[in-house]
């Protein structure tokens, strides 16, 4: 729990510094998207801090210490490299969908059923749809186009 308090406090300090640094930008339109992301990070940091303070000590006894999960870390790193490799070939949206689905299946493979897998594929489709609306419609940002999209 103490580690969560430290992490959330450091994140909040970083969020405040980033938010204040946005005042140095000249174009007010260029600040909108970073400001939204920074505010979301700030809210999530506050939620982590509140959870760490309010739920102090609950569940800490039963947690397994274990070592650093090098296998999962290495697997995620390889998946990120594959994502960047395939993004130019398949396109941003197709590769983002595939990356999201594969990562959620790999990291959450315990107790995986067909229903849970279908839910993760549906969540990947919803995530990709949100990305499409955000980048293509709202921000009018051009994304890498591939052979599929």
Protein backbone atom coordinates (compact mmCIF):
# COMPACT_ATOMS: atom_id res chain seq x y z
CA UNK A 1 0.00 0.00 0.00
CA UNK A 2 2.79 2.39 0.81
CA UNK A 3 4.24 1.83 -2.64
CA UNK A 4 0.92 2.88 -4.20
CA UNK A 5 0.92 6.08 -2.16
CA UNK A 6 4.44 6.90 -3.35
CA UNK A 7 3.63 6.07 -6.98
CA UNK A 8 0.41 8.09 -7.00
CA UNK A 9 2.14 11.05 -5.34
CA UNK A 10 4.94 11.00 -7.91
CA UNK A 11 2.36 10.74 -10.70
CA UNK A 12 0.43 13.70 -9.30
CA UNK A 13 3.61 15.78 -9.13
CA UNK A 14 4.38 14.84 -12.74
CA UNK A 15 0.85 15.67 -13.84
CA UNK A 16 1.04 19.09 -12.20
CA UNK A 17 4.42 19.79 -13.84
CA UNK A 18 3.14 18.69 -17.25
CA UNK A 19 -0.03 20.74 -16.90
CA UNK A 20 1.95 23.85 -15.97
CA UNK A 21 4.33 23.29 -18.90
CA UNK A 22 1.41 23.49 -21.32
CA UNK A 23 1.20 27.23 -20.67
CA UNK A 24 4.46 27.58 -22.61
CA UNK A 25 2.85 26.44 -25.87
CA UNK A 26 1.92 29.14 -28.36
CA UNK A 27 -1.01 27.63 -30.23
CA UNK A 28 -4.02 27.17 -27.92
CA UNK A 29 -5.48 24.47 -30.19
CA UNK A 30 -2.34 22.36 -29.83
CA UNK A 31 -2.87 22.20 -26.06
CA UNK A 32 -6.34 20.62 -26.07
CA UNK A 33 -5.44 16.94 -26.51
CA UNK A 34 -2.42 16.93 -24.17
CA UNK A 35 -4.47 18.78 -21.56
CA UNK A 36 -7.24 16.17 -21.71
CA UNK A 37 -4.75 13.31 -21.37
CA UNK A 38 -2.99 15.04 -18.47
CA UNK A 39 -6.31 15.66 -16.70
CA UNK A 40 -7.28 11.99 -17.11
CA UNK A 41 -3.88 10.99 -15.69
CA UNK A 42 -4.46 13.35 -12.77
CA UNK A 43 -7.89 11.92 -12.00
CA UNK A 44 -6.55 8.37 -12.14
CA UNK A 45 -3.64 9.33 -9.89
CA UNK A 46 -6.05 10.85 -7.38
CA UNK A 47 -8.18 7.71 -7.47
CA UNK A 48 -5.11 5.54 -6.82
CA UNK A 49 -4.08 7.79 -3.95
CA UNK A 50 -7.58 7.73 -2.45
CA UNK A 51 -7.77 3.96 -2.80
CA UNK A 52 -4.36 3.52 -1.20
CA UNK A 53 -5.24 5.72 1.76
CA UNK A 54 -8.82 4.53 2.32
CA UNK A 55 -8.22 0.81 1.85
CA UNK A 56 -5.05 0.78 3.93
CA UNK A 57 -4.03 -2.71 5.01
CA UNK A 58 -6.87 -4.66 3.42
CA UNK A 59 -5.64 -7.52 1.25
CA UNK A 60 -1.98 -6.90 1.99
CA UNK A 61 -1.64 -10.06 4.10
CA UNK A 62 -2.67 -12.47 1.36
CA UNK A 63 -0.61 -11.05 -1.46
CA UNK A 64 2.12 -13.27 -2.84
CA UNK A 65 5.43 -11.44 -3.07
CA UNK A 66 6.88 -13.38 -6.00
CA UNK A 67 9.67 -12.03 -8.14
CA UNK A 68 9.61 -9.78 -11.13
CA UNK A 69 7.59 -11.39 -13.96
CA UNK A 70 10.35 -11.40 -16.60
CA UNK A 71 8.37 -13.74 -18.86
CA UNK A 72 5.34 -11.46 -19.02
CA UNK A 73 7.52 -8.39 -19.39
CA UNK A 74 9.49 -9.96 -22.24
CA UNK A 75 6.31 -11.17 -23.92
CA UNK A 76 4.74 -7.71 -23.76
CA UNK A 77 7.93 -6.13 -25.09
CA UNK A 78 7.94 -8.51 -28.07
CA UNK A 79 4.25 -7.78 -28.67
CA UNK A 80 4.94 -4.03 -28.69
CA UNK A 81 7.73 -4.51 -31.23
CA UNK A 82 5.42 -6.66 -33.36
CA UNK A 83 2.74 -3.96 -33.11
CA UNK A 84 5.12 -1.32 -34.47
CA UNK A 85 6.29 -3.69 -37.22
CA UNK A 86 2.78 -4.56 -38.37
CA UNK A 87 1.35 -1.05 -38.01
CA UNK A 88 2.93 0.12 -41.27
CA UNK A 89 1.92 -3.04 -43.09
CA UNK A 90 -1.62 -3.68 -41.82
CA UNK A 91 -2.61 -0.18 -40.82
CA UNK A 92 -3.05 1.52 -37.49
CA UNK A 93 -6.57 0.38 -36.65
CA UNK A 94 -6.16 -3.27 -37.61
CA UNK A 95 -2.86 -3.58 -35.77
CA UNK A 96 -4.27 -1.75 -32.71
CA UNK A 97 -7.21 -4.16 -32.62
CA UNK A 98 -4.97 -7.22 -32.95
CA UNK A 99 -2.52 -5.88 -30.36
CA UNK A 100 -5.27 -5.15 -27.84
CA UNK A 101 -6.86 -8.58 -28.25
CA UNK A 102 -3.57 -10.50 -28.10
CA UNK A 103 -2.28 -8.59 -25.07
CA UNK A 104 -5.52 -9.05 -23.13
CA UNK A 105 -5.56 -12.75 -24.00
CA UNK A 106 -1.91 -13.26 -23.06
CA UNK A 107 -1.99 -11.29 -19.81
CA UNK A 108 -5.36 -12.63 -18.74
CA UNK A 109 -5.05 -16.24 -19.89
CA UNK A 110 -5.97 -17.79 -16.53
CA UNK A 111 -9.51 -19.08 -16.47
CA UNK A 112 -10.07 -18.09 -20.09
CA UNK A 113 -13.30 -19.36 -21.59
CA UNK A 114 -14.84 -18.82 -25.00
CA UNK A 115 -17.24 -16.30 -23.49
CA UNK A 116 -14.42 -14.32 -21.84
CA UNK A 117 -12.40 -14.47 -25.06
CA UNK A 118 -15.35 -13.16 -27.05
CA UNK A 119 -15.77 -10.38 -24.51
CA UNK A 120 -12.14 -9.40 -24.96
CA UNK A 121 -12.50 -9.39 -28.73
CA UNK A 122 -15.60 -7.18 -28.35
CA UNK A 123 -13.68 -4.88 -26.00
CA UNK A 124 -10.89 -4.71 -28.60
CA UNK A 125 -13.41 -3.75 -31.26
CA UNK A 126 -14.90 -1.07 -29.01
CA UNK A 127 -11.42 0.23 -28.16
CA UNK A 128 -10.54 0.42 -31.85
CA UNK A 129 -13.82 2.20 -32.62
CA UNK A 130 -13.03 4.79 -29.94
CA UNK A 131 -9.57 5.27 -31.45
CA UNK A 132 -11.11 5.70 -34.90
CA UNK A 133 -13.61 8.32 -33.73
CA UNK A 134 -10.97 10.14 -31.69
CA UNK A 135 -8.23 10.28 -34.31
CA UNK A 136 -10.14 10.26 -37.58
CA UNK A 137 -13.26 12.26 -36.74
CA UNK A 138 -12.55 14.52 -33.75
CA UNK A 139 -8.85 15.30 -34.15
CA UNK A 140 -8.61 14.76 -37.94
CA UNK A 141 -5.20 13.13 -37.48
CA UNK A 142 -3.88 10.93 -40.24
CA UNK A 143 -2.91 7.47 -39.02
CA UNK A 144 -0.66 4.94 -40.77
CA UNK A 145 -2.56 3.23 -43.55
CA UNK A 146 -1.80 -0.36 -44.45
CA UNK A 147 -3.12 -2.92 -46.88
CA UNK A 148 -6.21 -3.68 -44.80
CA UNK A 149 -7.43 -0.25 -43.62
